[in-house]
Amino acid sequence: MTFKIELPGTFEESLQESLKEMYRASLEQARRDYAMNQEILTIQQAMKFLNCSRNTLMKYVNEYGLKVSKIENKMYVRKKDIYQFLKENELNQGGI
């Protein structure tokens, strides 16, 4: 005995689009995860890591001393320097 189900063609198209979107989202998440696991970040990656704008990141560099390296007009930030910067700028919980 064979059991067969026929589905409308629009269902197959919809299913293919859903799978493509899931694949795209998974790849993007993998790229983000990989970038966040690196020890040296580009400015764009550092912005994502800190969840801030370029202007805010540059303020951290210029006014608050976050260390960056500049090589051939590209800037890089070590993740350990970001952690150190955050530690140095912690607020006392009782003072907020």
C-alpha atoms as a PDB file:
ATOM      1  CA  MET A   1       0.000   0.000   0.000  1.00  0.00           C
ATOM      2  CA  THR A   2       1.372   3.398  -1.003  1.00  0.00           C
ATOM      3  CA  PHE A   3       0.192   6.641   0.471  1.00  0.00           C
ATOM      4  CA  LYS A   4       0.742   9.782  -1.605  1.00  0.00           C
ATOM      5  CA  ILE A   5       0.005  13.406  -0.763  1.00  0.00           C
ATOM      6  CA  GLU A   6       0.016  16.097  -3.377  1.00  0.00           C
ATOM      7  CA  LEU A   7       0.707  19.629  -2.246  1.00  0.00           C
ATOM      8  CA  PRO A   8      -0.005  22.779  -4.215  1.00  0.00           C
ATOM      9  CA  GLY A   9       2.947  24.266  -6.152  1.00  0.00           C
ATOM     10  CA  THR A  10       2.733  27.457  -4.102  1.00  0.00           C
ATOM     11  CA  PHE A  11       3.458  25.449  -0.962  1.00  0.00           C
ATOM     12  CA  GLU A  12       6.697  24.144  -2.460  1.00  0.00           C
ATOM     13  CA  GLU A  13       7.749  27.670  -3.462  1.00  0.00           C
ATOM     14  CA  SER A  14       6.905  28.980  -0.013  1.00  0.00           C
ATOM     15  CA  LEU A  15       8.826  26.137   1.626  1.00  0.00           C
ATOM     16  CA  GLN A  16      11.878  26.812  -0.565  1.00  0.00           C
ATOM     17  CA  GLU A  17      11.827  30.513   0.316  1.00  0.00           C
ATOM     18  CA  SER A  18      11.518  29.721   4.011  1.00  0.00           C
ATOM     19  CA  LEU A  19      14.470  27.335   3.829  1.00  0.00           C
ATOM     20  CA  LYS A  20      16.556  29.911   1.941  1.00  0.00           C
ATOM     21  CA  GLU A  21      15.795  32.541   4.575  1.00  0.00           C
ATOM     22  CA  MET A  22      16.693  30.164   7.400  1.00  0.00           C
ATOM     23  CA  TYR A  23      19.949  29.331   5.599  1.00  0.00           C
ATOM     24  CA  ARG A  24      20.779  33.054   5.137  1.00  0.00           C
ATOM     25  CA  ALA A  25      20.027  33.801   8.785  1.00  0.00           C
ATOM     26  CA  SER A  26      22.153  30.862   9.955  1.00  0.00           C
ATOM     27  CA  LEU A  27      25.093  31.982   7.829  1.00  0.00           C
ATOM     28  CA  GLU A  28      24.827  35.548   9.103  1.00  0.00           C
ATOM     29  CA  GLN A  29      24.734  34.323  12.703  1.00  0.00           C
ATOM     30  CA  ALA A  30      27.787  32.134  12.066  1.00  0.00           C
ATOM     31  CA  ARG A  31      29.638  35.146  10.621  1.00  0.00           C
ATOM     32  CA  ARG A  32      28.750  37.250  13.681  1.00  0.00           C
ATOM     33  CA  ASP A  33      29.803  34.471  16.043  1.00  0.00           C
ATOM     34  CA  TYR A  34      33.111  34.053  14.224  1.00  0.00           C
ATOM     35  CA  ALA A  35      33.807  37.788  14.312  1.00  0.00           C
ATOM     36  CA  MET A  36      33.071  37.995  18.017  1.00  0.00           C
ATOM     37  CA  ASN A  37      35.463  35.112  18.729  1.00  0.00           C
ATOM     38  CA  GLN A  38      38.401  36.888  17.125  1.00  0.00           C
ATOM     39  CA  GLU A  39      40.980  38.558  19.365  1.00  0.00           C
ATOM     40  CA  ILE A  40      41.459  41.550  17.047  1.00  0.00           C
ATOM     41  CA  LEU A  41      38.397  43.394  15.775  1.00  0.00           C
ATOM     42  CA  THR A  42      37.917  45.883  12.973  1.00  0.00           C
ATOM     43  CA  ILE A  43      36.208  49.138  13.894  1.00  0.00           C
ATOM     44  CA  GLN A  44      32.932  47.792  12.482  1.00  0.00           C
ATOM     45  CA  GLN A  45      33.244  44.603  14.532  1.00  0.00           C
ATOM     46  CA  ALA A  46      34.117  46.607  17.655  1.00  0.00           C
ATOM     47  CA  MET A  47      31.009  48.745  17.095  1.00  0.00           C
ATOM     48  CA  LYS A  48      28.871  45.599  16.960  1.00  0.00           C
ATOM     49  CA  PHE A  49      30.669  44.106  19.955  1.00  0.00           C
ATOM     50  CA  LEU A  50      30.019  47.241  22.032  1.00  0.00           C
ATOM     51  CA  ASN A  51      26.624  47.886  20.433  1.00  0.00           C
ATOM     52  CA  CYS A  52      27.526  51.498  19.718  1.00  0.00           C
ATOM     53  CA  SER A  53      27.856  53.883  16.795  1.00  0.00           C
ATOM     54  CA  ARG A  54      31.119  54.843  15.091  1.00  0.00           C
ATOM     55  CA  ASN A  55      30.918  58.296  16.691  1.00  0.00           C
ATOM     56  CA  THR A  56      30.607  56.772  20.159  1.00  0.00           C
ATOM     57  CA  LEU A  57      33.493  54.388  19.525  1.00  0.00           C
ATOM     58  CA  MET A  58      35.679  57.255  18.305  1.00  0.00           C
ATOM     59  CA  LYS A  59      34.728  59.210  21.439  1.00  0.00           C
ATOM     60  CA  TYR A  60      35.930  56.260  23.533  1.00  0.00           C
ATOM     61  CA  VAL A  61      39.204  56.339  21.583  1.00  0.00           C
ATOM     62  CA  ASN A  62      39.791  60.101  21.522  1.00  0.00           C
ATOM     63  CA  GLU A  63      38.375  61.202  24.864  1.00  0.00           C
ATOM     64  CA  TYR A  64      38.591  58.144  27.096  1.00  0.00           C
ATOM     65  CA  GLY A  65      41.718  56.420  25.821  1.00  0.00           C
ATOM     66  CA  LEU A  66      40.474  53.174  24.294  1.00  0.00           C
ATOM     67  CA  LYS A  67      43.537  51.780  22.537  1.00  0.00           C
ATOM     68  CA  VAL A  68      43.438  51.209  18.776  1.00  0.00           C
ATOM     69  CA  SER A  69      46.038  50.223  16.205  1.00  0.00           C
ATOM     70  CA  LYS A  70      46.166  51.889  12.804  1.00  0.00           C
ATOM     71  CA  ILE A  71      47.667  49.996   9.879  1.00  0.00           C
ATOM     72  CA  GLU A  72      47.445  51.399   6.355  1.00  0.00           C
ATOM     73  CA  ASN A  73      44.494  53.666   7.246  1.00  0.00           C
ATOM     74  CA  LYS A  74      42.568  50.798   8.862  1.00  0.00           C
ATOM     75  CA  MET A  75      41.939  50.718  12.597  1.00  0.00           C
ATOM     76  CA  TYR A  76      41.832  47.658  14.795  1.00  0.00           C
ATOM     77  CA  VAL A  77      40.940  47.100  18.431  1.00  0.00           C
ATOM     78  CA  ARG A  78      42.115  44.228  20.592  1.00  0.00           C
ATOM     79  CA  LYS A  79      39.288  42.603  22.464  1.00  0.00           C
ATOM     80  CA  LYS A  80      41.429  42.509  25.623  1.00  0.00           C
ATOM     81  CA  ASP A  81      41.795  46.315  25.340  1.00  0.00           C
ATOM     82  CA  ILE A  82      38.011  46.668  25.137  1.00  0.00           C
ATOM     83  CA  TYR A  83      37.604  44.563  28.279  1.00  0.00           C
ATOM     84  CA  GLN A  84      40.292  46.603  30.046  1.00  0.00           C
ATOM     85  CA  PHE A  85      38.638  49.859  28.931  1.00  0.00           C
ATOM     86  CA  LEU A  86      35.281  48.672  30.276  1.00  0.00           C
ATOM     87  CA  LYS A  87      36.842  47.609  33.566  1.00  0.00           C
ATOM     88  CA  GLU A  88      38.609  50.963  33.983  1.00  0.00           C
ATOM     89  CA  ASN A  89      35.351  52.797  33.327  1.00  0.00           C
ATOM     90  CA  GLU A  90      33.099  50.744  35.610  1.00  0.00           C
ATOM     91  CA  LEU A  91      30.809  52.693  37.864  1.00  0.00           C
ATOM     92  CA  ASN A  92      30.445  51.884  41.514  1.00  0.00           C
ATOM     93  CA  GLN A  93      27.015  50.284  41.831  1.00  0.00           C
ATOM     94  CA  GLY A  94      26.261  52.340  44.944  1.00  0.00           C
ATOM     95  CA  GLY A  95      27.035  55.599  43.145  1.00  0.00           C
ATOM     96  CA  ILE A  96      24.436  55.311  40.402  1.00  0.00           C
END
